[in-house]
Amino acid sequence: MTAPKAVEDSDPVLTGSAAERMTPLRLVLETPLYRGATVAMFLSGLGFSAAAPQIASFLVHELHASLTVAGLYYLTSLTAPIAGYLVGARSDRTGRRLGLFRVCAVAGFLGWTGIAFSTQLWMPFVVSAIVLGFAGAARRRCSPPFTTRSVRAQRRAMMAWSP
């Protein structure tokens, strides 16, 4: 789907020369909020990569699950696309992505804390499928550097204020 001709003519993102257009990388590097969100997502990925092997060990040794059941834990991430759709629809309706980003960060912390204090085998599965599924989906969907609408709006604002 293409933008109407009137929009194309008035939108510097869609029309300007290559020198006028701001790349997403430059936008992330020049905006403190975007830089911070990018670093937070990078560190979050590192943290999950470090924790992933430990989860199976925790399920087997502490909650006495079989290796097969422990392996099924990773299927709980299949709820993220559904959660991403729901969270994305909400963020598009309200436009409050930063607030939602903060809420998902707190929810992620509470979810991992809940898993750490699990006493029954079903608890990590439910917490991961519901709490961490929504928190991860919200983080990926609402992170300012990676939302098309916010990148375009930021480009327009920077073009209007550039000397």
Protein backbone atom coordinates (compact mmCIF):
# COMPACT_ATOMS: atom_id res chain seq x y z
CA MET A 1 0.00 0.00 0.00
CA THR A 2 1.44 3.36 -1.01
CA ALA A 3 0.92 6.73 0.57
CA PRO A 4 -1.41 9.20 -1.19
CA LYS A 5 0.33 11.71 -3.49
CA ALA A 6 -0.39 14.64 -1.13
CA VAL A 7 1.29 12.81 1.75
CA GLU A 8 4.30 11.85 -0.37
CA ASP A 9 4.82 15.48 -1.41
CA SER A 10 4.63 16.84 2.14
CA ASP A 11 6.56 14.13 4.01
CA PRO A 12 10.35 14.72 4.06
CA VAL A 13 10.87 11.09 5.02
CA LEU A 14 9.20 9.96 1.81
CA THR A 15 10.58 12.61 -0.52
CA GLY A 16 13.81 14.36 0.57
CA SER A 17 17.24 13.70 -0.83
CA ALA A 18 19.49 11.06 0.69
CA ALA A 19 21.32 13.76 2.66
CA GLU A 20 18.05 14.91 4.28
CA ARG A 21 16.92 11.43 5.28
CA MET A 22 17.94 10.18 8.66
CA THR A 23 18.88 6.53 8.88
CA PRO A 24 17.55 4.45 11.77
CA LEU A 25 21.11 3.91 13.02
CA ARG A 26 21.80 7.64 13.13
CA LEU A 27 18.46 8.23 14.84
CA VAL A 28 19.32 5.67 17.54
CA LEU A 29 22.79 7.12 18.06
CA GLU A 30 21.57 10.73 18.33
CA THR A 31 18.58 10.18 20.62
CA PRO A 32 19.23 9.34 24.30
CA LEU A 33 15.92 7.49 24.71
CA TYR A 34 16.59 5.30 21.68
CA ARG A 35 20.19 4.65 22.75
CA GLY A 36 19.04 3.62 26.22
CA ALA A 37 16.32 1.33 24.89
CA THR A 38 18.76 -0.30 22.47
CA VAL A 39 21.29 -0.94 25.24
CA ALA A 40 18.52 -2.30 27.48
CA MET A 41 17.37 -4.72 24.78
CA PHE A 42 20.96 -5.83 24.11
CA LEU A 43 21.59 -6.50 27.81
CA SER A 44 18.25 -8.27 28.10
CA GLY A 45 19.25 -10.59 25.26
CA LEU A 46 22.58 -11.30 26.93
CA GLY A 47 20.83 -12.04 30.21
CA PHE A 48 18.40 -14.47 28.63
CA SER A 49 21.20 -16.20 26.72
CA ALA A 50 23.06 -16.69 29.99
CA ALA A 51 19.95 -17.87 31.84
CA ALA A 52 18.59 -20.24 29.19
CA PRO A 53 20.86 -23.21 29.98
CA GLN A 54 20.31 -22.71 33.69
CA ILE A 55 16.52 -22.94 33.37
CA ALA A 56 16.62 -26.56 32.24
CA SER A 57 19.02 -27.38 35.06
CA PHE A 58 16.73 -25.66 37.58
CA LEU A 59 13.68 -27.57 36.33
CA VAL A 60 15.46 -30.92 36.46
CA HIS A 61 17.40 -30.59 39.72
CA GLU A 62 15.15 -28.35 41.84
CA LEU A 63 11.66 -29.17 40.58
CA HIS A 64 12.43 -32.81 39.64
CA ALA A 65 11.27 -32.61 36.03
CA SER A 66 12.47 -35.02 33.37
CA LEU A 67 14.77 -33.67 30.66
CA THR A 68 11.92 -33.97 28.15
CA VAL A 69 9.61 -31.83 30.28
CA ALA A 70 12.41 -29.34 30.92
CA GLY A 71 12.91 -29.05 27.16
CA LEU A 72 9.21 -28.33 26.69
CA TYR A 73 9.69 -25.20 28.79
CA TYR A 74 11.09 -23.40 25.75
CA LEU A 75 7.77 -23.87 23.93
CA THR A 76 6.25 -21.29 26.26
CA SER A 77 7.80 -18.63 24.01
CA LEU A 78 5.17 -19.50 21.41
CA THR A 79 2.76 -17.24 23.30
CA ALA A 80 4.87 -14.18 22.40
CA PRO A 81 3.41 -13.64 18.89
CA ILE A 82 -0.13 -13.61 20.28
CA ALA A 83 0.92 -11.36 23.14
CA GLY A 84 2.79 -9.15 20.66
CA TYR A 85 -0.36 -8.65 18.63
CA LEU A 86 -2.39 -7.71 21.72
CA VAL A 87 0.29 -5.42 23.14
CA GLY A 88 0.93 -3.83 19.75
CA ALA A 89 -2.75 -3.09 19.24
CA ARG A 90 -2.88 -1.47 22.68
CA SER A 91 0.23 0.62 22.09
CA ASP A 92 -1.09 1.77 18.71
CA ARG A 93 -4.41 2.81 20.28
CA THR A 94 -2.92 4.68 23.21
CA GLY A 95 0.36 5.84 21.70
CA ARG A 96 2.04 5.54 25.12
CA ARG A 97 4.91 3.26 24.16
CA LEU A 98 7.38 4.50 26.76
CA GLY A 99 4.98 3.77 29.63
CA LEU A 100 4.25 0.33 28.22
CA PHE A 101 7.99 -0.28 27.79
CA ARG A 102 8.51 0.51 31.48
CA VAL A 103 5.64 -1.72 32.57
CA CYS A 104 7.00 -4.63 30.54
CA ALA A 105 10.45 -4.17 32.11
CA VAL A 106 8.94 -4.43 35.59
CA ALA A 107 6.77 -7.38 34.52
CA GLY A 108 9.86 -9.14 33.17
CA PHE A 109 11.66 -8.65 36.48
CA LEU A 110 8.66 -9.95 38.42
CA GLY A 111 8.30 -12.90 36.05
CA TRP A 112 11.91 -14.00 36.46
CA THR A 113 11.63 -13.52 40.21
CA GLY A 114 8.48 -15.67 40.18
CA ILE A 115 10.30 -18.42 38.32
CA ALA A 116 13.19 -18.29 40.79
CA PHE A 117 10.81 -18.83 43.70
CA SER A 118 8.75 -21.56 42.01
CA THR A 119 7.99 -24.57 44.18
CA GLN A 120 5.84 -26.56 41.74
CA LEU A 121 6.75 -27.69 38.23
CA TRP A 122 3.79 -25.95 36.58
CA MET A 123 4.68 -22.51 37.96
CA PRO A 124 7.62 -21.68 35.63
CA PHE A 125 5.56 -22.79 32.64
CA VAL A 126 2.62 -20.52 33.50
CA VAL A 127 4.79 -17.56 34.47
CA SER A 128 6.83 -17.87 31.29
CA ALA A 129 3.85 -18.32 28.99
CA ILE A 130 1.82 -15.46 30.44
CA VAL A 131 3.98 -12.92 32.24
CA LEU A 132 7.25 -13.29 30.32
CA GLY A 133 5.41 -13.79 27.03
CA PHE A 134 3.64 -10.45 27.41
CA ALA A 135 6.69 -8.69 28.87
CA GLY A 136 8.96 -9.87 26.06
CA ALA A 137 6.41 -9.11 23.38
CA ALA A 138 5.81 -5.65 24.79
CA ARG A 139 9.52 -4.97 25.01
CA ARG A 140 10.08 -5.97 21.40
CA ARG A 141 6.92 -4.33 20.08
CA CYS A 142 7.10 -1.08 22.02
CA SER A 143 10.79 -0.39 22.05
CA PRO A 144 11.14 3.06 20.51
CA PRO A 145 14.05 2.31 18.14
CA PHE A 146 12.14 -0.45 16.46
CA THR A 147 8.70 1.00 15.93
CA THR A 148 8.13 2.32 12.43
CA ARG A 149 5.67 4.98 13.48
CA SER A 150 7.96 6.48 16.13
CA VAL A 151 10.98 6.44 13.78
CA ARG A 152 9.02 8.33 11.14
CA ALA A 153 7.68 10.82 13.69
CA GLN A 154 11.17 11.37 15.10
CA ARG A 155 12.57 11.88 11.60
CA ARG A 156 9.92 14.48 10.87
CA ALA A 157 10.59 16.29 14.14
CA MET A 158 14.34 16.33 13.56
CA MET A 159 13.89 17.56 9.98
CA ALA A 160 11.69 20.42 11.22
CA TRP A 161 14.27 21.49 13.82
CA SER A 162 17.46 20.97 11.82
CA PRO A 163 19.41 24.20 11.06
